[in-house]
Amino acid sequence: VFYLTPFLGFGFGLLLQHVIELGWTRMQHSSKLQASVLFRLFPSSTHYHYQTFQYLGLFTVSVALLSVTAWGYIPKPTFPAPVFRGLQDLKTKTPEDAVIYTWWDMGLALLEQAERAVIHDGGTQARPKTYLIARSLIGSEQSTLKDTMGFLAHRNDMEILSLAKQNQLFTTINSGKHKVRHPSYVLLTNDMILSFPTFYSIGSWDLSNQQYRVSDYTSLKCNHLENLVLNCQKLTFDLKDGWLNNKIPLKRVVQSLRGKQIVSKEFHPRGLTLQFMMSDERVFQEIYLLEEEVWQSNFNQMFLLGNYDQNIFEETMHSYPWIRLFRLK
């Protein structure tokens, strides 16, 4: 929407010009205003009268709008400083011919700061490969993540569309015949938690039904724990029997210490997951309430819980809670 800003400005300017001209016309027909101080500023020229009126009108409007403009506004950085430093560290953590597999938000920053190749970036995100990357991040099989990395190393967008039309796309990806051509790494960062609803909705797109699902990390603000009952504003969690507000079942409660799962207690066959992210053994950094698909996702398992298939990946960078890098074996 910010690309529309100049056009909105033009429209606002034309509207303001129309208002000023209308006011000027009324002033010219008013005998009382003809004797005002404004008309005495330049008594010999109507042109100067009108210019002065325009400047006064613009000045008045500008002052009136000053409190709602971007004056003095300093936007937050696109990436937190620890994440940005992690991108710079990739120069020493990866070989020069490495390919980084991650969400498109960091594509251009990786090209500029890490000088490493990426699968997609801010200029190429609206292409079929973005769908496949999102699908592999929300999927629950790390073998599919591996196969997708190999597939995208060999196939272009036109081939992806052709396979999709023939209903052979996923069969071809899961065949395991495609191997990566260069050292390949999966990069996961903390800011991707905020992007999760986006790549979940993209990756969950059903090619047959033309529908998608929506899911997210629900962050909780909890303030009291007593007798295994956790109070989070209007929500009450029974951590002994696994219930939310005494009626919604919890499937499990999970604790992760500095990005490594340490505790998992199962309650019911179906339900939500309560996930505690801990910076040390006494401090809960984040508490998330998750649907099963989000908890099972490759992103959640690998980034937040440190559960990765060691036969497929090797962790080469872990800077909790900001960035994790996995090398495809």
Protein backbone atom coordinates (compact mmCIF):
# COMPACT_ATOMS: atom_id res chain seq x y z
CA VAL A 1 0.00 0.00 0.00
CA PHE A 2 2.92 2.39 0.51
CA TYR A 3 3.38 2.48 -3.28
CA LEU A 4 0.07 4.35 -3.43
CA THR A 5 1.37 7.17 -1.21
CA PRO A 6 2.35 9.54 -4.09
CA PHE A 7 -1.06 9.12 -5.71
CA LEU A 8 -2.80 9.77 -2.41
CA GLY A 9 -0.64 12.88 -2.05
CA PHE A 10 -1.64 14.11 -5.51
CA GLY A 11 -5.29 13.57 -4.70
CA PHE A 12 -5.01 15.34 -1.37
CA GLY A 13 -3.21 18.24 -3.05
CA LEU A 14 -5.93 18.63 -5.68
CA LEU A 15 -8.61 18.56 -2.99
CA LEU A 16 -6.73 21.20 -0.97
CA GLN A 17 -6.29 23.35 -4.10
CA HIS A 18 -10.03 23.15 -4.77
CA VAL A 19 -10.84 24.22 -1.20
CA ILE A 20 -8.41 27.16 -1.40
CA GLU A 21 -9.86 28.32 -4.74
CA LEU A 22 -13.37 28.08 -3.34
CA GLY A 23 -12.35 30.14 -0.30
CA TRP A 24 -10.62 32.70 -2.50
CA THR A 25 -13.73 33.11 -4.66
CA ARG A 26 -15.88 33.73 -1.61
CA MET A 27 -13.40 36.26 -0.25
CA GLN A 28 -13.45 38.21 -3.49
CA HIS A 29 -17.22 38.55 -3.25
CA SER A 30 -17.14 39.72 0.35
CA SER A 31 -16.84 43.49 0.81
CA LYS A 32 -15.84 43.08 4.45
CA LEU A 33 -12.91 40.79 3.60
CA GLN A 34 -11.77 43.12 0.82
CA ALA A 35 -10.81 45.57 3.55
CA SER A 36 -8.93 42.94 5.58
CA VAL A 37 -5.23 42.93 6.36
CA LEU A 38 -4.68 40.18 3.74
CA PHE A 39 -5.81 42.42 0.88
CA ARG A 40 -3.67 45.28 2.15
CA LEU A 41 -0.45 43.25 1.97
CA PHE A 42 -0.19 43.65 -1.81
CA PRO A 43 -2.75 46.31 -2.80
CA SER A 44 -1.57 46.54 -6.44
CA SER A 45 -1.77 42.88 -7.47
CA THR A 46 -4.55 40.32 -7.23
CA HIS A 47 -1.98 37.65 -8.13
CA TYR A 48 0.01 38.35 -4.96
CA HIS A 49 -3.23 38.34 -2.97
CA TYR A 50 -4.03 34.85 -4.20
CA GLN A 51 -0.46 33.57 -3.63
CA THR A 52 -0.47 34.86 -0.08
CA PHE A 53 -3.83 33.21 0.54
CA GLN A 54 -2.46 29.93 -0.83
CA TYR A 55 0.61 30.02 1.42
CA LEU A 56 -1.47 30.81 4.49
CA GLY A 57 -3.83 27.97 3.66
CA LEU A 58 -1.00 25.48 3.18
CA PHE A 59 0.70 26.61 6.38
CA THR A 60 -2.53 26.21 8.37
CA VAL A 61 -3.19 22.71 7.02
CA SER A 62 0.43 21.64 7.59
CA VAL A 63 0.36 22.75 11.22
CA ALA A 64 -2.99 21.03 11.76
CA LEU A 65 -1.65 17.72 10.38
CA LEU A 66 1.78 17.86 12.01
CA SER A 67 0.76 15.64 14.93
CA VAL A 68 -0.41 12.80 12.65
CA THR A 69 2.50 12.74 10.22
CA ALA A 70 5.72 10.74 10.30
CA TRP A 71 7.61 13.75 11.66
CA GLY A 72 10.05 12.43 14.24
CA TYR A 73 9.08 8.80 13.61
CA ILE A 74 12.00 6.37 13.62
CA PRO A 75 11.06 2.94 12.21
CA LYS A 76 12.35 -0.22 13.80
CA PRO A 77 15.08 -2.13 11.95
CA THR A 78 13.89 -4.87 9.62
CA PHE A 79 16.01 -7.41 11.51
CA PRO A 80 17.01 -7.36 15.19
CA ALA A 81 20.72 -6.65 15.65
CA PRO A 82 21.56 -10.22 16.79
CA VAL A 83 19.93 -11.64 13.65
CA PHE A 84 21.78 -9.15 11.45
CA ARG A 85 25.09 -10.05 13.07
CA GLY A 86 24.24 -13.70 12.50
CA LEU A 87 23.78 -13.02 8.79
CA GLN A 88 27.23 -11.45 8.70
CA ASP A 89 28.72 -14.47 10.51
CA LEU A 90 27.56 -16.73 7.68
CA LYS A 91 30.62 -15.62 5.75
CA THR A 92 32.82 -17.60 8.10
CA LYS A 93 30.32 -20.37 8.88
CA THR A 94 29.61 -21.41 5.29
CA PRO A 95 31.70 -22.00 2.14
CA GLU A 96 31.60 -19.41 -0.64
CA ASP A 97 29.48 -21.59 -2.93
CA ALA A 98 26.86 -22.29 -0.24
CA VAL A 99 23.14 -21.90 -0.94
CA ILE A 100 20.94 -20.65 1.90
CA TYR A 101 17.42 -22.06 2.15
CA THR A 102 15.18 -19.74 4.18
CA TRP A 103 12.13 -17.49 3.94
CA TRP A 104 12.32 -14.72 1.34
CA ASP A 105 12.37 -11.85 3.88
CA MET A 106 16.10 -12.33 4.44
CA GLY A 107 17.02 -12.99 0.82
CA LEU A 108 18.45 -9.61 -0.14
CA ALA A 109 20.14 -9.14 3.25
CA LEU A 110 21.88 -12.50 2.82
CA LEU A 111 23.06 -11.55 -0.66
CA GLU A 112 24.42 -8.24 0.59
CA GLN A 113 25.80 -9.12 4.03
CA ALA A 114 26.69 -12.81 3.77
CA GLU A 115 27.44 -12.83 0.03
CA ARG A 116 25.71 -16.20 -0.26
CA ALA A 117 23.23 -17.50 -2.82
CA VAL A 118 19.56 -17.82 -1.80
CA ILE A 119 16.56 -19.64 -3.24
CA HIS A 120 14.32 -16.57 -3.34
CA ASP A 121 14.29 -12.96 -2.12
CA GLY A 122 12.13 -9.85 -2.01
CA GLY A 123 12.13 -9.61 -5.79
CA THR A 124 11.17 -13.20 -6.52
CA GLN A 125 8.85 -14.18 -3.67
CA ALA A 126 5.68 -14.26 -5.77
CA ARG A 127 6.70 -17.43 -7.61
CA PRO A 128 5.89 -21.15 -7.33
CA LYS A 129 9.08 -21.95 -5.40
CA THR A 130 7.90 -19.76 -2.52
CA TYR A 131 4.89 -22.06 -2.13
CA LEU A 132 7.16 -25.11 -1.95
CA ILE A 133 9.49 -23.49 0.59
CA ALA A 134 6.55 -22.50 2.79
CA ARG A 135 5.12 -26.01 2.47
CA SER A 136 8.41 -27.58 3.59
CA LEU A 137 8.68 -25.27 6.62
CA ILE A 138 5.18 -26.04 7.92
CA GLY A 139 5.38 -29.73 7.06
CA SER A 140 6.15 -32.32 9.71
CA GLU A 141 8.58 -34.48 7.70
CA GLN A 142 12.19 -33.31 7.61
CA SER A 143 12.78 -35.71 4.73
CA THR A 144 10.32 -33.59 2.70
CA LEU A 145 12.34 -30.51 3.61
CA LYS A 146 15.45 -32.27 2.29
CA ASP A 147 13.72 -33.43 -0.90
CA THR A 148 12.35 -29.94 -1.56
CA MET A 149 15.83 -28.43 -1.24
CA GLY A 150 17.12 -30.92 -3.81
CA PHE A 151 14.14 -30.41 -6.11
CA LEU A 152 14.55 -26.61 -6.17
CA ALA A 153 18.23 -27.01 -7.00
CA HIS A 154 17.24 -28.56 -10.34
CA ARG A 155 13.79 -27.31 -11.35
CA ASN A 156 12.65 -23.84 -12.42
CA ASP A 157 9.27 -22.14 -12.05
CA MET A 158 7.92 -23.26 -15.43
CA GLU A 159 8.73 -26.88 -14.64
CA ILE A 160 7.05 -26.58 -11.23
CA LEU A 161 3.85 -25.24 -12.86
CA SER A 162 3.93 -27.97 -15.50
CA LEU A 163 4.29 -30.73 -12.89
CA ALA A 164 1.48 -29.19 -10.80
CA LYS A 165 -0.88 -29.21 -13.82
CA GLN A 166 -0.06 -32.88 -14.40
CA ASN A 167 -0.66 -33.70 -10.70
CA GLN A 168 2.91 -34.98 -10.49
CA LEU A 169 4.51 -32.20 -8.42
CA PHE A 170 4.59 -33.80 -4.98
CA THR A 171 5.32 -37.26 -6.36
CA THR A 172 8.35 -35.85 -8.15
CA ILE A 173 9.55 -33.97 -5.06
CA ASN A 174 9.18 -36.98 -2.77
CA SER A 175 10.93 -39.32 -5.21
CA GLY A 176 14.25 -38.32 -3.64
CA LYS A 177 15.97 -38.34 -7.04
CA HIS A 178 17.08 -34.70 -6.85
CA LYS A 179 20.31 -33.96 -5.01
CA VAL A 180 21.59 -30.53 -4.07
CA ARG A 181 24.34 -29.18 -6.32
CA HIS A 182 26.13 -27.00 -3.77
CA PRO A 183 26.58 -27.03 0.02
CA SER A 184 23.07 -26.21 1.26
CA TYR A 185 21.93 -24.78 4.57
CA VAL A 186 18.59 -24.16 6.26
CA LEU A 187 18.52 -20.80 8.06
CA LEU A 188 15.83 -20.21 10.71
CA THR A 189 15.53 -16.97 12.68
CA ASN A 190 13.47 -15.54 15.52
CA ASP A 191 11.62 -13.03 13.34
CA MET A 192 10.18 -15.93 11.33
CA ILE A 193 7.82 -16.56 14.25
CA LEU A 194 6.02 -13.34 13.25
CA SER A 195 6.04 -14.46 9.61
CA PHE A 196 4.68 -17.90 10.46
CA PRO A 197 1.00 -17.08 9.69
CA THR A 198 2.09 -15.91 6.25
CA PHE A 199 4.06 -18.94 5.19
CA TYR A 200 1.55 -21.25 6.89
CA SER A 201 -1.32 -19.87 4.81
CA ILE A 202 0.82 -20.06 1.65
CA GLY A 203 2.23 -23.50 2.35
CA SER A 204 -1.15 -25.01 3.32
CA TRP A 205 -2.68 -24.16 -0.06
CA ASP A 206 -4.49 -27.20 -1.45
CA LEU A 207 -3.94 -27.41 -5.22
CA SER A 208 -7.06 -29.55 -5.64
CA ASN A 209 -9.57 -27.72 -3.46
CA GLN A 210 -8.07 -24.24 -3.97
CA GLN A 211 -8.23 -23.57 -0.24
CA TYR A 212 -5.78 -22.77 2.54
CA ARG A 213 -5.68 -22.90 6.31
CA VAL A 214 -4.68 -20.29 8.87
CA SER A 215 -2.72 -20.93 12.06
CA ASP A 216 -0.25 -19.07 14.24
CA TYR A 217 1.78 -18.94 17.44
CA THR A 218 -0.50 -17.68 20.21
CA SER A 219 1.74 -15.91 22.71
CA LEU A 220 0.44 -15.93 26.28
CA LYS A 221 0.99 -13.45 29.10
CA CYS A 222 0.90 -15.50 32.28
CA ASN A 223 1.15 -14.08 35.77
CA HIS A 224 0.46 -16.80 38.32
CA LEU A 225 1.30 -20.47 38.89
CA GLU A 226 0.05 -22.30 41.96
CA ASN A 227 -0.68 -25.99 42.59
CA LEU A 228 0.02 -26.72 38.91
CA VAL A 229 -2.65 -24.24 37.81
CA LEU A 230 -1.33 -21.56 35.46
CA ASN A 231 -3.30 -18.33 35.03
CA CYS A 232 -2.79 -16.40 31.81
CA GLN A 233 -5.17 -13.45 31.91
CA LYS A 234 -8.59 -15.02 31.08
CA LEU A 235 -7.14 -18.49 30.48
CA THR A 236 -6.57 -21.11 33.16
CA PHE A 237 -4.37 -24.15 32.48
CA ASP A 238 -4.58 -27.25 34.63
CA LEU A 239 -1.05 -28.65 34.24
CA LYS A 240 -1.88 -31.73 36.32
CA ASP A 241 -4.74 -33.17 34.28
CA GLY A 242 -4.26 -31.21 31.04
CA TRP A 243 -7.24 -28.90 30.62
CA LEU A 244 -7.73 -25.35 29.41
CA ASN A 245 -10.52 -23.55 31.29
CA ASN A 246 -11.66 -27.00 32.50
CA LYS A 247 -13.19 -27.90 29.11
CA ILE A 248 -10.61 -27.73 26.29
CA PRO A 249 -8.11 -30.63 26.31
CA LEU A 250 -4.36 -30.19 26.19
CA LYS A 251 -2.52 -32.82 24.24
CA ARG A 252 0.84 -32.04 25.82
CA VAL A 253 2.95 -29.55 27.75
CA VAL A 254 6.49 -29.00 26.47
CA GLN A 255 9.47 -27.18 27.97
CA SER A 256 12.41 -25.98 25.89
CA LEU A 257 15.60 -24.77 27.57
CA ARG A 258 17.67 -22.43 25.38
CA GLY A 259 16.22 -23.98 22.26
CA LYS A 260 16.42 -27.62 23.33
CA GLN A 261 13.37 -29.66 24.35
CA ILE A 262 13.88 -31.01 27.86
CA VAL A 263 10.37 -32.00 29.04
CA SER A 264 7.27 -33.27 27.26
CA LYS A 265 4.24 -34.44 29.22
CA GLU A 266 1.38 -36.05 27.30
CA PHE A 267 -2.26 -35.72 28.44
CA HIS A 268 -4.94 -36.42 25.82
CA PRO A 269 -4.94 -38.02 22.35
CA ARG A 270 -6.06 -34.74 20.82
CA GLY A 271 -5.84 -31.12 21.85
CA LEU A 272 -3.60 -28.09 22.02
CA THR A 273 0.04 -27.88 23.03
CA LEU A 274 1.35 -25.52 25.71
CA GLN A 275 4.97 -24.77 24.91
CA PHE A 276 7.30 -23.05 27.40
CA MET A 277 10.42 -21.36 26.04
CA MET A 278 12.99 -20.92 28.82
CA SER A 279 16.18 -18.86 28.77
CA ASP A 280 17.32 -20.61 31.96
CA GLU A 281 15.84 -23.07 34.44
CA ARG A 282 13.90 -20.36 36.28
CA VAL A 283 12.88 -17.87 33.57
CA PHE A 284 10.07 -18.41 31.06
CA GLN A 285 10.95 -16.28 28.05
CA GLU A 286 7.86 -17.09 25.97
CA ILE A 287 4.78 -19.25 26.43
CA TYR A 288 2.94 -20.39 23.30
CA LEU A 289 -0.37 -22.12 22.79
CA LEU A 290 -0.19 -24.16 19.58
CA GLU A 291 -2.40 -26.23 17.36
CA GLU A 292 -1.03 -29.67 16.52
CA GLU A 293 0.04 -28.73 12.97
CA VAL A 294 2.09 -25.80 14.25
CA TRP A 295 3.74 -27.88 16.97
CA GLN A 296 4.64 -30.63 14.49
CA SER A 297 6.00 -28.22 11.88
CA ASN A 298 9.62 -28.45 10.82
CA PHE A 299 10.09 -24.81 11.77
CA ASN A 300 8.88 -25.32 15.35
CA GLN A 301 10.69 -28.62 15.87
CA MET A 302 14.03 -27.48 14.45
CA PHE A 303 14.15 -23.84 15.55
CA LEU A 304 12.35 -23.69 18.89
CA LEU A 305 12.80 -27.24 20.16
CA GLY A 306 16.07 -28.30 18.53
CA ASN A 307 14.56 -31.56 17.30
CA TYR A 308 16.26 -32.24 13.97
CA ASP A 309 17.06 -35.46 12.18
CA GLN A 310 20.79 -35.92 12.64
CA ASN A 311 20.87 -38.30 9.69
CA ILE A 312 19.75 -35.46 7.44
CA PHE A 313 21.03 -32.24 9.04
CA GLU A 314 23.96 -31.01 11.09
CA GLU A 315 23.57 -27.87 13.22
CA THR A 316 26.40 -25.46 12.45
CA MET A 317 25.19 -22.28 14.21
CA HIS A 318 22.99 -21.80 17.27
CA SER A 319 22.66 -18.33 18.75
CA TYR A 320 19.68 -18.63 21.11
CA PRO A 321 17.05 -17.25 20.72
CA TRP A 322 17.86 -15.51 17.45
CA ILE A 323 19.27 -17.76 14.79
CA ARG A 324 19.93 -21.40 13.91
CA LEU A 325 21.72 -22.80 10.88
CA PHE A 326 21.53 -26.41 9.71
CA ARG A 327 23.72 -27.97 7.02
CA LEU A 328 22.17 -30.55 4.76
CA LYS A 329 24.38 -33.66 4.89
